[in-house]
Amino acid sequence: GKKLGCPSTANPQASAVTAMYTGG
């Protein structure tokens, strides 16, 4: 059950980060 590879970038702040960036 171990997850391999880089940690996922999915996190609770992902949508906030995207919104901040698209907002300029």
PDB file of all heavy atoms in Angstrom:
ATOM      1  N   GLY A   1       0.772  -1.247   0.000  1.00  0.00           N
ATOM      2  CA  GLY A   1       0.000   0.000   0.000  1.00  0.00           C
ATOM      3  C   GLY A   1       0.796   1.287   0.000  1.00  0.00           C
ATOM      4  O   GLY A   1       0.239   2.362   0.196  1.00  0.00           O
ATOM      5  N   LYS A   2       2.096   1.196  -0.194  1.00  0.00           N
ATOM      6  CA  LYS A   2       2.915   2.416  -0.234  1.00  0.00           C
ATOM      7  C   LYS A   2       2.718   3.105  -1.575  1.00  0.00           C
ATOM      8  O   LYS A   2       2.662   2.453  -2.611  1.00  0.00           O
ATOM      9  CB  LYS A   2       4.404   2.092  -0.052  1.00  0.00           C
ATOM     10  CG  LYS A   2       4.735   1.424   1.250  1.00  0.00           C
ATOM     11  CD  LYS A   2       4.787   2.426   2.354  1.00  0.00           C
ATOM     12  CE  LYS A   2       5.217   1.717   3.638  1.00  0.00           C
ATOM     13  NZ  LYS A   2       5.101   2.543   4.774  1.00  0.00           N
ATOM     14  N   LYS A   3       2.617   4.423  -1.536  1.00  0.00           N
ATOM     15  CA  LYS A   3       2.534   5.182  -2.773  1.00  0.00           C
ATOM     16  C   LYS A   3       3.952   5.512  -3.211  1.00  0.00           C
ATOM     17  O   LYS A   3       4.756   5.989  -2.420  1.00  0.00           O
ATOM     18  CB  LYS A   3       1.735   6.468  -2.575  1.00  0.00           C
ATOM     19  CG  LYS A   3       0.257   6.216  -2.421  1.00  0.00           C
ATOM     20  CD  LYS A   3      -0.521   7.498  -2.457  1.00  0.00           C
ATOM     21  CE  LYS A   3      -2.003   7.197  -2.414  1.00  0.00           C
ATOM     22  NZ  LYS A   3      -2.791   8.402  -2.597  1.00  0.00           N
ATOM     23  N   LEU A   4       4.235   5.259  -4.482  1.00  0.00           N
ATOM     24  CA  LEU A   4       5.575   5.494  -5.015  1.00  0.00           C
ATOM     25  C   LEU A   4       5.576   6.747  -5.868  1.00  0.00           C
ATOM     26  O   LEU A   4       4.540   7.170  -6.378  1.00  0.00           O
ATOM     27  CB  LEU A   4       6.024   4.296  -5.843  1.00  0.00           C
ATOM     28  CG  LEU A   4       5.999   2.949  -5.114  1.00  0.00           C
ATOM     29  CD1 LEU A   4       6.340   1.833  -6.068  1.00  0.00           C
ATOM     30  CD2 LEU A   4       6.947   2.960  -3.938  1.00  0.00           C
ATOM     31  N   GLY A   5       6.739   7.334  -6.034  1.00  0.00           N
ATOM     32  CA  GLY A   5       6.868   8.514  -6.886  1.00  0.00           C
ATOM     33  C   GLY A   5       6.795   9.791  -6.087  1.00  0.00           C
ATOM     34  O   GLY A   5       6.767   9.791  -4.850  1.00  0.00           O
ATOM     35  N   CYS A   6       6.767  10.893  -6.809  1.00  0.00           N
ATOM     36  CA  CYS A   6       6.712  12.208  -6.167  1.00  0.00           C
ATOM     37  C   CYS A   6       5.375  12.364  -5.456  1.00  0.00           C
ATOM     38  O   CYS A   6       4.358  11.866  -5.928  1.00  0.00           O
ATOM     39  CB  CYS A   6       6.867  13.319  -7.203  1.00  0.00           C
ATOM     40  SG  CYS A   6       8.488  13.336  -7.945  1.00  0.00           S
ATOM     41  N   PRO A   7       5.381  13.106  -4.344  1.00  0.00           N
ATOM     42  CA  PRO A   7       4.116  13.362  -3.666  1.00  0.00           C
ATOM     43  C   PRO A   7       3.170  14.117  -4.598  1.00  0.00           C
ATOM     44  O   PRO A   7       3.601  14.913  -5.417  1.00  0.00           O
ATOM     45  CB  PRO A   7       4.502  14.239  -2.476  1.00  0.00           C
ATOM     46  CG  PRO A   7       5.977  14.175  -2.376  1.00  0.00           C
ATOM     47  CD  PRO A   7       6.495  13.713  -3.687  1.00  0.00           C
ATOM     48  N   SER A   8       1.916  13.839  -4.436  1.00  0.00           N
ATOM     49  CA  SER A   8       0.912  14.502  -5.269  1.00  0.00           C
ATOM     50  C   SER A   8       0.857  15.985  -4.962  1.00  0.00           C
ATOM     51  O   SER A   8       1.032  16.413  -3.816  1.00  0.00           O
ATOM     52  CB  SER A   8      -0.452  13.874  -4.988  1.00  0.00           C
ATOM     53  OG  SER A   8      -1.459  14.629  -5.604  1.00  0.00           O
ATOM     54  N   THR A   9       0.617  16.773  -5.989  1.00  0.00           N
ATOM     55  CA  THR A   9       0.482  18.219  -5.767  1.00  0.00           C
ATOM     56  C   THR A   9      -0.948  18.557  -5.362  1.00  0.00           C
ATOM     57  O   THR A   9      -1.242  19.698  -5.051  1.00  0.00           O
ATOM     58  CB  THR A   9       0.849  19.006  -7.035  1.00  0.00           C
ATOM     59  OG1 THR A   9       0.047  18.541  -8.097  1.00  0.00           O
ATOM     60  CG2 THR A   9       2.309  18.871  -7.366  1.00  0.00           C
ATOM     61  N   ALA A  10      -1.832  17.561  -5.407  1.00  0.00           N
ATOM     62  CA  ALA A  10      -3.197  17.811  -4.989  1.00  0.00           C
ATOM     63  C   ALA A  10      -3.200  18.070  -3.493  1.00  0.00           C
ATOM     64  O   ALA A  10      -2.773  17.257  -2.704  1.00  0.00           O
ATOM     65  CB  ALA A  10      -4.079  16.620  -5.335  1.00  0.00           C
ATOM     66  N   ASN A  11      -3.656  19.229  -3.108  1.00  0.00           N
ATOM     67  CA  ASN A  11      -3.773  19.569  -1.701  1.00  0.00           C
ATOM     68  C   ASN A  11      -4.921  20.562  -1.558  1.00  0.00           C
ATOM     69  O   ASN A  11      -5.395  21.113  -2.554  1.00  0.00           O
ATOM     70  CB  ASN A  11      -2.443  20.116  -1.150  1.00  0.00           C
ATOM     71  CG  ASN A  11      -2.024  21.405  -1.815  1.00  0.00           C
ATOM     72  OD1 ASN A  11      -2.774  22.366  -1.872  1.00  0.00           O
ATOM     73  ND2 ASN A  11      -0.811  21.429  -2.343  1.00  0.00           N
ATOM     74  N   PRO A  12      -5.361  20.794  -0.357  1.00  0.00           N
ATOM     75  CA  PRO A  12      -6.520  21.678  -0.185  1.00  0.00           C
ATOM     76  C   PRO A  12      -6.289  23.083  -0.743  1.00  0.00           C
ATOM     77  O   PRO A  12      -7.238  23.780  -1.073  1.00  0.00           O
ATOM     78  CB  PRO A  12      -6.712  21.732   1.331  1.00  0.00           C
ATOM     79  CG  PRO A  12      -5.943  20.593   1.890  1.00  0.00           C
ATOM     80  CD  PRO A  12      -4.892  20.245   0.898  1.00  0.00           C
ATOM     81  N   GLN A  13      -5.044  23.496  -0.853  1.00  0.00           N
ATOM     82  CA  GLN A  13      -4.769  24.856  -1.308  1.00  0.00           C
ATOM     83  C   GLN A  13      -4.620  24.963  -2.822  1.00  0.00           C
ATOM     84  O   GLN A  13      -4.442  26.043  -3.344  1.00  0.00           O
ATOM     85  CB  GLN A  13      -3.485  25.374  -0.641  1.00  0.00           C
ATOM     86  CG  GLN A  13      -3.629  25.500   0.867  1.00  0.00           C
ATOM     87  CD  GLN A  13      -2.309  25.857   1.511  1.00  0.00           C
ATOM     88  OE1 GLN A  13      -1.302  25.252   1.206  1.00  0.00           O
ATOM     89  NE2 GLN A  13      -2.339  26.837   2.396  1.00  0.00           N
ATOM     90  N   ALA A  14      -4.689  23.828  -3.541  1.00  0.00           N
ATOM     91  CA  ALA A  14      -4.443  23.843  -4.982  1.00  0.00           C
ATOM     92  C   ALA A  14      -5.374  24.793  -5.716  1.00  0.00           C
ATOM     93  O   ALA A  14      -4.950  25.580  -6.564  1.00  0.00           O
ATOM     94  CB  ALA A  14      -4.542  22.439  -5.562  1.00  0.00           C
ATOM     95  N   SER A  15      -6.673  24.727  -5.409  1.00  0.00           N
ATOM     96  CA  SER A  15      -7.604  25.606  -6.122  1.00  0.00           C
ATOM     97  C   SER A  15      -7.360  27.062  -5.743  1.00  0.00           C
ATOM     98  O   SER A  15      -7.492  27.964  -6.583  1.00  0.00           O
ATOM     99  CB  SER A  15      -9.051  25.199  -5.850  1.00  0.00           C
ATOM    100  OG  SER A  15      -9.318  25.212  -4.459  1.00  0.00           O
ATOM    101  N   ALA A  16      -6.972  27.305  -4.484  1.00  0.00           N
ATOM    102  CA  ALA A  16      -6.680  28.680  -4.062  1.00  0.00           C
ATOM    103  C   ALA A  16      -5.452  29.216  -4.792  1.00  0.00           C
ATOM    104  O   ALA A  16      -5.447  30.364  -5.248  1.00  0.00           O
ATOM    105  CB  ALA A  16      -6.471  28.726  -2.550  1.00  0.00           C
ATOM    106  N   VAL A  17      -4.428  28.377  -4.936  1.00  0.00           N
ATOM    107  CA  VAL A  17      -3.213  28.780  -5.640  1.00  0.00           C
ATOM    108  C   VAL A  17      -3.541  29.125  -7.087  1.00  0.00           C
ATOM    109  O   VAL A  17      -3.116  30.160  -7.610  1.00  0.00           O
ATOM    110  CB  VAL A  17      -2.138  27.667  -5.571  1.00  0.00           C
ATOM    111  CG1 VAL A  17      -1.013  27.912  -6.563  1.00  0.00           C
ATOM    112  CG2 VAL A  17      -1.578  27.541  -4.161  1.00  0.00           C
ATOM    113  N   THR A  18      -4.316  28.252  -7.733  1.00  0.00           N
ATOM    114  CA  THR A  18      -4.697  28.492  -9.125  1.00  0.00           C
ATOM    115  C   THR A  18      -5.483  29.792  -9.261  1.00  0.00           C
ATOM    116  O   THR A  18      -5.240  30.596 -10.164  1.00  0.00           O
ATOM    117  CB  THR A  18      -5.518  27.303  -9.668  1.00  0.00           C
ATOM    118  OG1 THR A  18      -4.773  26.104  -9.462  1.00  0.00           O
ATOM    119  CG2 THR A  18      -5.819  27.456 -11.136  1.00  0.00           C
ATOM    120  N   ALA A  19      -6.413  30.018  -8.348  1.00  0.00           N
ATOM    121  CA  ALA A  19      -7.223  31.241  -8.385  1.00  0.00           C
ATOM    122  C   ALA A  19      -6.357  32.486  -8.171  1.00  0.00           C
ATOM    123  O   ALA A  19      -6.529  33.499  -8.857  1.00  0.00           O
ATOM    124  CB  ALA A  19      -8.318  31.167  -7.331  1.00  0.00           C
ATOM    125  N   MET A  20      -5.426  32.404  -7.230  1.00  0.00           N
ATOM    126  CA  MET A  20      -4.537  33.550  -6.971  1.00  0.00           C
ATOM    127  C   MET A  20      -3.718  33.880  -8.209  1.00  0.00           C
ATOM    128  O   MET A  20      -3.571  35.047  -8.573  1.00  0.00           O
ATOM    129  CB  MET A  20      -3.596  33.244  -5.793  1.00  0.00           C
ATOM    130  CG  MET A  20      -4.235  33.252  -4.442  1.00  0.00           C
ATOM    131  SD  MET A  20      -2.973  32.909  -3.188  1.00  0.00           S
ATOM    132  CE  MET A  20      -3.932  32.039  -1.994  1.00  0.00           C
ATOM    133  N   TYR A  21      -3.187  32.829  -8.847  1.00  0.00           N
ATOM    134  CA  TYR A  21      -2.326  33.053 -10.011  1.00  0.00           C
ATOM    135  C   TYR A  21      -3.125  33.605 -11.186  1.00  0.00           C
ATOM    136  O   TYR A  21      -2.704  34.558 -11.835  1.00  0.00           O
ATOM    137  CB  TYR A  21      -1.616  31.745 -10.408  1.00  0.00           C
ATOM    138  CG  TYR A  21      -0.663  31.946 -11.557  1.00  0.00           C
ATOM    139  CD1 TYR A  21       0.566  32.575 -11.362  1.00  0.00           C
ATOM    140  CD2 TYR A  21      -1.004  31.549 -12.836  1.00  0.00           C
ATOM    141  CE1 TYR A  21       1.424  32.788 -12.408  1.00  0.00           C
ATOM    142  CE2 TYR A  21      -0.141  31.748 -13.896  1.00  0.00           C
ATOM    143  CZ  TYR A  21       1.083  32.371 -13.673  1.00  0.00           C
ATOM    144  OH  TYR A  21       1.935  32.595 -14.726  1.00  0.00           O
ATOM    145  N   THR A  22      -4.275  33.012 -11.449  1.00  0.00           N
ATOM    146  CA  THR A  22      -5.081  33.506 -12.571  1.00  0.00           C
ATOM    147  C   THR A  22      -5.636  34.896 -12.284  1.00  0.00           C
ATOM    148  O   THR A  22      -5.976  35.635 -13.201  1.00  0.00           O
ATOM    149  CB  THR A  22      -6.228  32.531 -12.925  1.00  0.00           C
ATOM    150  OG1 THR A  22      -6.994  32.268 -11.745  1.00  0.00           O
ATOM    151  CG2 THR A  22      -5.687  31.238 -13.501  1.00  0.00           C
ATOM    152  N   GLY A  23      -5.705  35.238 -11.003  1.00  0.00           N
ATOM    153  CA  GLY A  23      -6.146  36.585 -10.619  1.00  0.00           C
ATOM    154  C   GLY A  23      -5.041  37.625 -10.731  1.00  0.00           C
ATOM    155  O   GLY A  23      -5.249  38.801 -10.434  1.00  0.00           O
ATOM    156  N   GLY A  24      -3.834  37.188 -11.136  1.00  0.00           N
ATOM    157  CA  GLY A  24      -2.741  38.131 -11.374  1.00  0.00           C
ATOM    158  C   GLY A  24      -1.677  38.190 -10.290  1.00  0.00           C
ATOM    159  O   GLY A  24      -0.732  38.977 -10.375  1.00  0.00           O
TER     160      GLY A  24
END
